[in-house]
Amino acid sequence: MNQISKEELSNELVRLANELGKTPSSEEMNEIGNYSSTTYVNTFGNWNNSLVEVGLNPLKRNFITEEEVLESAYQVGEEFGYPPTITELDKYGVISSHMKRYDSFSELIGDAFYDDYVGRAYEILRELPSFNGVDDNEVMEIAESVAGDYIEYVTEFRTKYRKVLFLSVISYNSHKEGYPVIHDYLINAANETAPSKYDTIRPEEFDGGVQEILKYRKEITSMDDYSFLPVTDTAKYVEPIFYQFDIPNRMTEEAKEIIEKVQSKTIGQSPVSIVGAVLYILGQRDDDFTINQSEIADELDVSTVTIRNRYKDIESKLSE
């Protein structure tokens, strides 16, 4: 796509000013102009600079409504694909002093974006195998917790990886409510449900995405009264792990039955390695499905020795 020249931008700004009979605002450019106000900010530094460039007087406003602040925050967020900072809002003609009507920037962002965050979190959660069959109301409650927590943390961490932080909050709240999340699938679910390219995890973010999620989740946990512990109900790991391997549905319940029989005897062992060993056992029993220990270990990021030892332990306990 060819870059829009300063001359083209200036001509459009003059045209719009003549059409309106006044100096246009960035919001008016977004609504009825031919270019996005983002393009003007990227080219001239801020909206008022672009006005000066074509001989128009900078906008000086003694009052701005709450609705205008929220709408500006929303529009800038739509352009960038993430909630804007105070500095970014300044560039679009929304002056920081007008933020005094809010107790905090997170309150402003919450007013502008809360419903969007709830909807986004709900879409992602519904794509995760851990939430198969979970009641809609329960999923929605977790999505609402995600939205509320993210609004608080996005201003606390001040990170450019805000989409990854959003996934961290999903991971944290899911585990807190007893639903384990596999992070590679969390990232995939986010990208598959992304409403636009701005909402996806870009390749340069993806490589470090899982580690970023773990890092932020650790920080989030330290800020909360909740002491993070892994989900101890091993059976809850069956569906997300089996989903990774495209296991036939008929084997899922059988796996849960095995785990129920041995769980009290495997306390302290990793739920992931236990489910991996159960998967291997089912593969040994089923003529239509085969899988070896190395394949399981590689996919679950554990050693083949661990899978082998858990397999022997479980077979021994099942024979007791």
Protein backbone atom coordinates (compact mmCIF):
# COMPACT_ATOMS: atom_id res chain seq x y z
CA MET A 1 0.00 0.00 0.00
CA ASN A 2 1.40 3.41 -1.02
CA GLN A 3 2.14 5.86 1.79
CA ILE A 4 -0.16 8.87 1.86
CA SER A 5 1.79 12.07 1.27
CA LYS A 6 1.71 15.17 3.47
CA GLU A 7 0.21 17.08 0.56
CA GLU A 8 -2.68 14.63 0.24
CA LEU A 9 -3.33 14.77 3.97
CA SER A 10 -3.19 18.56 4.01
CA ASN A 11 -5.55 18.86 1.05
CA GLU A 12 -8.07 16.57 2.72
CA LEU A 13 -7.87 18.55 5.95
CA VAL A 14 -8.53 21.81 4.11
CA ARG A 15 -11.41 20.21 2.20
CA LEU A 16 -13.02 18.98 5.40
CA ALA A 17 -12.58 22.36 7.08
CA ASN A 18 -14.30 24.05 4.13
CA GLU A 19 -17.11 21.50 4.20
CA LEU A 20 -17.72 21.97 7.92
CA GLY A 21 -17.08 25.71 7.92
CA LYS A 22 -14.81 25.37 10.94
CA THR A 23 -11.63 23.73 12.16
CA PRO A 24 -12.31 19.99 12.18
CA SER A 25 -11.61 17.78 15.20
CA SER A 26 -9.85 14.43 14.98
CA GLU A 27 -13.20 12.75 15.72
CA GLU A 28 -14.79 14.51 12.73
CA MET A 29 -11.94 13.37 10.49
CA ASN A 30 -12.53 9.78 11.64
CA GLU A 31 -16.26 10.02 11.07
CA ILE A 32 -16.56 11.87 7.74
CA GLY A 33 -13.02 12.45 6.44
CA ASN A 34 -11.19 10.33 3.88
CA TYR A 35 -8.28 9.43 6.16
CA SER A 36 -7.88 8.24 9.71
CA SER A 37 -6.73 10.73 12.33
CA THR A 38 -4.06 8.14 13.20
CA THR A 39 -2.42 8.85 9.85
CA TYR A 40 -2.25 12.56 10.68
CA VAL A 41 -0.75 11.87 14.11
CA ASN A 42 1.84 9.52 12.64
CA THR A 43 2.76 12.08 9.98
CA PHE A 44 2.63 15.39 11.87
CA GLY A 45 3.19 14.30 15.48
CA ASN A 46 -0.24 15.24 16.82
CA TRP A 47 -3.58 16.51 15.58
CA ASN A 48 -2.96 20.18 16.33
CA ASN A 49 0.34 20.09 14.39
CA SER A 50 -1.56 18.96 11.32
CA LEU A 51 -3.95 21.90 11.72
CA VAL A 52 -1.08 24.37 11.98
CA GLU A 53 0.52 22.84 8.88
CA VAL A 54 -2.44 23.97 6.73
CA GLY A 55 -2.95 27.33 8.46
CA LEU A 56 -5.84 26.36 10.71
CA ASN A 57 -5.96 27.43 14.34
CA PRO A 58 -5.19 24.67 16.87
CA LEU A 59 -8.20 23.50 18.81
CA LYS A 60 -8.33 25.06 22.26
CA ARG A 61 -11.15 23.73 24.31
CA ASN A 62 -12.12 24.92 27.76
CA PHE A 63 -14.51 22.05 28.30
CA ILE A 64 -14.80 18.50 27.09
CA THR A 65 -17.60 16.13 27.97
CA GLU A 66 -17.11 12.75 29.58
CA GLU A 67 -18.67 11.18 26.50
CA GLU A 68 -16.07 12.87 24.25
CA VAL A 69 -13.21 11.62 26.43
CA LEU A 70 -14.57 8.08 26.37
CA GLU A 71 -15.26 8.20 22.64
CA SER A 72 -11.74 9.46 21.97
CA ALA A 73 -10.26 6.73 24.16
CA TYR A 74 -12.34 4.17 22.31
CA GLN A 75 -11.44 5.44 18.83
CA VAL A 76 -7.72 5.61 19.57
CA GLY A 77 -7.90 2.14 21.07
CA GLU A 78 -9.59 0.85 17.94
CA GLU A 79 -6.82 2.32 15.79
CA PHE A 80 -3.96 0.90 17.86
CA GLY A 81 -5.62 -2.36 18.87
CA TYR A 82 -5.04 -1.71 22.59
CA PRO A 83 -6.12 0.82 25.23
CA PRO A 84 -4.32 4.15 24.70
CA THR A 85 -2.08 5.82 27.23
CA ILE A 86 -2.63 9.39 28.40
CA THR A 87 0.21 10.47 26.06
CA GLU A 88 -1.47 8.80 23.09
CA LEU A 89 -4.77 10.47 23.91
CA ASP A 90 -2.99 13.83 24.12
CA LYS A 91 -1.85 13.43 20.53
CA TYR A 92 -5.48 13.15 19.47
CA GLY A 93 -6.55 16.41 21.08
CA VAL A 94 -7.84 15.02 24.38
CA ILE A 95 -5.94 17.02 27.00
CA SER A 96 -4.71 15.32 30.17
CA SER A 97 -6.22 17.96 32.45
CA HIS A 98 -9.64 16.80 31.38
CA MET A 99 -8.90 13.39 32.90
CA LYS A 100 -9.44 14.92 36.36
CA ARG A 101 -13.09 13.94 36.15
CA TYR A 102 -11.86 10.35 36.67
CA ASP A 103 -10.19 9.09 39.83
CA SER A 104 -7.68 7.19 37.69
CA PHE A 105 -6.77 6.42 34.12
CA SER A 106 -7.89 2.83 34.70
CA GLU A 107 -11.35 4.19 35.55
CA LEU A 108 -11.44 6.03 32.21
CA ILE A 109 -10.30 2.97 30.31
CA GLY A 110 -12.79 0.84 32.21
CA ASP A 111 -15.68 3.09 31.20
CA ALA A 112 -14.61 3.01 27.58
CA PHE A 113 -13.60 -0.63 27.20
CA TYR A 114 -15.10 -2.81 29.98
CA ASP A 115 -17.86 -4.36 27.85
CA ASP A 116 -15.41 -5.05 25.02
CA TYR A 117 -13.02 -6.79 27.42
CA VAL A 118 -15.80 -8.96 28.82
CA GLY A 119 -16.88 -10.02 25.34
CA ARG A 120 -13.32 -10.68 24.20
CA ALA A 121 -12.52 -12.77 27.28
CA TYR A 122 -15.73 -14.76 26.87
CA GLU A 123 -14.95 -15.57 23.23
CA ILE A 124 -11.46 -16.80 24.10
CA LEU A 125 -12.61 -18.85 27.10
CA ARG A 126 -15.25 -20.57 25.01
CA GLU A 127 -12.58 -21.70 22.55
CA LEU A 128 -10.55 -23.45 25.30
CA PRO A 129 -11.13 -27.18 25.85
CA SER A 130 -11.15 -26.67 29.63
CA PHE A 131 -14.48 -24.90 29.30
CA ASN A 132 -16.26 -27.51 27.19
CA GLY A 133 -19.63 -28.10 28.80
CA VAL A 134 -19.16 -25.36 31.41
CA ASP A 135 -22.30 -23.31 32.11
CA ASP A 136 -22.48 -19.99 30.24
CA ASN A 137 -23.10 -18.04 33.41
CA GLU A 138 -19.94 -19.40 35.00
CA VAL A 139 -17.87 -18.59 31.92
CA MET A 140 -19.35 -15.08 31.87
CA GLU A 141 -18.46 -14.54 35.53
CA ILE A 142 -14.84 -15.44 34.80
CA ALA A 143 -14.87 -13.14 31.74
CA GLU A 144 -16.12 -10.28 33.93
CA SER A 145 -13.35 -10.96 36.45
CA VAL A 146 -10.82 -10.91 33.61
CA ALA A 147 -12.10 -7.54 32.39
CA GLY A 148 -12.00 -5.98 35.84
CA ASP A 149 -8.53 -7.30 36.66
CA TYR A 150 -7.09 -6.34 33.28
CA ILE A 151 -8.26 -2.74 33.62
CA GLU A 152 -6.36 -2.57 36.91
CA TYR A 153 -3.20 -4.31 35.68
CA VAL A 154 -2.89 -2.62 32.28
CA THR A 155 -2.05 0.67 33.96
CA GLU A 156 0.04 -1.02 36.66
CA PHE A 157 2.43 -2.86 34.33
CA ARG A 158 2.67 -0.26 31.53
CA THR A 159 3.75 -2.91 29.06
CA LYS A 160 3.67 -2.72 25.29
CA TYR A 161 2.63 -6.39 25.26
CA ARG A 162 -0.88 -5.61 26.41
CA LYS A 163 -2.53 -8.38 24.46
CA VAL A 164 -0.21 -10.90 26.11
CA LEU A 165 -1.02 -9.36 29.49
CA PHE A 166 -4.72 -9.85 28.70
CA LEU A 167 -4.07 -13.55 28.14
CA SER A 168 -2.12 -13.67 31.41
CA VAL A 169 -5.18 -12.42 33.24
CA ILE A 170 -7.33 -15.04 31.49
CA SER A 171 -4.86 -17.75 32.50
CA TYR A 172 -4.76 -16.52 36.09
CA ASN A 173 -8.52 -16.27 36.54
CA SER A 174 -9.11 -19.63 34.85
CA HIS A 175 -6.68 -21.41 37.17
CA LYS A 176 -8.08 -19.55 40.15
CA GLU A 177 -11.54 -20.95 39.37
CA GLY A 178 -10.20 -24.47 38.84
CA TYR A 179 -9.87 -24.60 35.05
CA PRO A 180 -6.32 -25.35 33.85
CA VAL A 181 -5.20 -23.59 30.69
CA ILE A 182 -2.55 -24.73 28.22
CA HIS A 183 -0.85 -21.54 27.12
CA ASP A 184 -0.11 -22.45 23.51
CA TYR A 185 -3.83 -23.08 23.07
CA LEU A 186 -4.68 -19.86 24.84
CA ILE A 187 -2.64 -17.91 22.30
CA ASN A 188 -4.16 -19.85 19.41
CA ALA A 189 -7.68 -19.24 20.75
CA ALA A 190 -6.95 -15.52 20.99
CA ASN A 191 -5.73 -15.37 17.40
CA GLU A 192 -8.58 -17.50 16.03
CA THR A 193 -11.22 -15.27 17.63
CA ALA A 194 -9.45 -11.95 17.01
CA PRO A 195 -11.94 -9.43 15.58
CA SER A 196 -9.15 -7.69 13.64
CA LYS A 197 -5.45 -7.98 12.87
CA TYR A 198 -4.76 -5.53 15.68
CA ASP A 199 -6.05 -8.05 18.21
CA THR A 200 -3.79 -10.94 17.19
CA ILE A 201 -0.50 -11.90 18.78
CA ARG A 202 2.06 -10.95 16.15
CA PRO A 203 4.89 -13.38 15.22
CA GLU A 204 7.49 -11.31 17.09
CA GLU A 205 5.29 -11.48 20.20
CA PHE A 206 4.29 -15.12 19.77
CA ASP A 207 7.74 -16.66 20.28
CA GLY A 208 8.05 -15.20 23.75
CA GLY A 209 4.33 -15.17 24.38
CA VAL A 210 4.08 -18.20 26.62
CA GLN A 211 6.97 -17.04 28.80
CA GLU A 212 5.47 -13.55 28.94
CA ILE A 213 2.17 -15.02 30.13
CA LEU A 214 3.95 -16.94 32.89
CA LYS A 215 5.92 -13.84 33.90
CA TYR A 216 2.88 -11.60 34.10
CA ARG A 217 0.79 -14.25 35.82
CA LYS A 218 3.47 -14.53 38.50
CA GLU A 219 3.42 -10.76 39.01
CA ILE A 220 -0.38 -10.69 39.06
CA THR A 221 -0.42 -13.43 41.68
CA SER A 222 1.96 -11.46 43.90
CA MET A 223 -0.40 -8.46 43.77
CA ASP A 224 -3.43 -10.50 44.80
CA ASP A 225 -4.39 -11.92 48.18
CA TYR A 226 -4.91 -15.23 46.39
CA SER A 227 -1.99 -17.61 46.71
CA PHE A 228 -1.68 -19.28 43.31
CA LEU A 229 -1.63 -23.04 43.37
CA PRO A 230 -1.90 -25.40 40.41
CA VAL A 231 -5.30 -26.98 39.79
CA THR A 232 -5.12 -30.18 41.83
CA ASP A 233 -8.11 -31.96 40.31
CA THR A 234 -6.20 -34.04 37.79
CA ALA A 235 -9.35 -34.96 35.87
CA LYS A 236 -9.73 -31.32 34.81
CA TYR A 237 -6.55 -31.66 32.77
CA VAL A 238 -7.95 -34.48 30.65
CA GLU A 239 -9.94 -32.44 28.13
CA PRO A 240 -7.33 -29.73 27.42
CA ILE A 241 -4.54 -32.30 27.08
CA PHE A 242 -6.56 -34.80 25.07
CA TYR A 243 -7.62 -31.96 22.78
CA GLN A 244 -3.95 -31.43 21.94
CA PHE A 245 -3.69 -34.99 20.68
CA ASP A 246 -7.06 -35.12 18.91
CA ILE A 247 -8.14 -38.06 21.08
CA PRO A 248 -11.50 -39.74 20.29
CA ASN A 249 -14.25 -38.52 22.64
CA ARG A 250 -15.01 -42.05 23.82
CA MET A 251 -11.61 -42.18 25.51
CA THR A 252 -12.09 -39.03 27.58
CA GLU A 253 -14.50 -40.55 30.11
CA GLU A 254 -12.39 -43.69 30.35
CA ALA A 255 -9.37 -41.53 31.21
CA LYS A 256 -11.32 -39.73 33.93
CA GLU A 257 -12.41 -43.06 35.41
CA ILE A 258 -8.79 -44.23 35.62
CA ILE A 259 -7.73 -40.97 37.25
CA GLU A 260 -10.55 -41.18 39.78
CA LYS A 261 -9.34 -44.63 40.82
CA VAL A 262 -5.72 -43.57 41.35
CA GLN A 263 -5.86 -39.85 42.19
CA SER A 264 -5.79 -40.35 45.97
CA LYS A 265 -2.64 -42.43 45.51
CA THR A 266 -0.85 -39.93 43.26
CA ILE A 267 -1.01 -36.83 45.47
CA GLY A 268 2.00 -34.59 44.93
CA GLN A 269 2.65 -35.76 41.38
CA SER A 270 2.21 -33.49 38.38
CA PRO A 271 -1.35 -33.65 36.96
CA VAL A 272 0.09 -33.17 33.47
CA SER A 273 2.39 -36.19 33.75
CA ILE A 274 -0.43 -38.30 35.22
CA VAL A 275 -2.76 -37.49 32.33
CA GLY A 276 0.08 -38.15 29.89
CA ALA A 277 0.63 -41.57 31.42
CA VAL A 278 -3.10 -42.34 31.31
CA LEU A 279 -3.10 -41.36 27.65
CA TYR A 280 -0.31 -43.87 27.03
CA ILE A 281 -2.25 -46.58 28.90
CA LEU A 282 -5.31 -45.98 26.74
CA GLY A 283 -3.15 -46.13 23.64
CA GLN A 284 -1.90 -49.54 24.75
CA ARG A 285 -5.44 -50.79 25.25
CA ASP A 286 -7.09 -49.38 22.13
CA ASP A 287 -6.55 -51.07 18.76
CA ASP A 288 -7.70 -47.98 16.84
CA PHE A 289 -5.48 -45.47 18.61
CA THR A 290 -1.76 -45.75 19.23
CA ILE A 291 0.72 -43.27 20.67
CA ASN A 292 4.21 -43.68 22.09
CA GLN A 293 5.79 -42.19 25.19
CA SER A 294 8.12 -39.91 23.23
CA GLU A 295 5.22 -38.27 21.37
CA ILE A 296 3.42 -37.61 24.63
CA ALA A 297 6.53 -36.31 26.39
CA ASP A 298 7.43 -33.95 23.54
CA GLU A 299 3.95 -32.47 23.33
CA LEU A 300 3.59 -32.02 27.10
CA ASP A 301 7.16 -30.79 27.60
CA VAL A 302 8.06 -33.48 30.12
CA SER A 303 10.67 -36.23 29.94
CA THR A 304 9.95 -39.71 28.64
CA VAL A 305 11.32 -41.01 31.94
CA THR A 306 8.59 -39.12 33.79
CA ILE A 307 5.86 -40.53 31.53
CA ARG A 308 7.31 -44.02 31.90
CA ASN A 309 7.49 -43.79 35.70
CA ARG A 310 3.94 -42.42 36.02
CA TYR A 311 2.74 -45.17 33.67
CA LYS A 312 4.29 -47.86 35.85
CA ASP A 313 2.93 -46.27 39.01
CA ILE A 314 -0.62 -46.05 37.68
CA GLU A 315 -0.61 -49.62 36.28
CA SER A 316 0.62 -50.84 39.65
CA LYS A 317 -2.11 -48.96 41.54
CA LEU A 318 -4.82 -50.16 39.15
CA SER A 319 -3.83 -53.79 39.83
CA GLU A 320 -3.99 -53.38 43.63
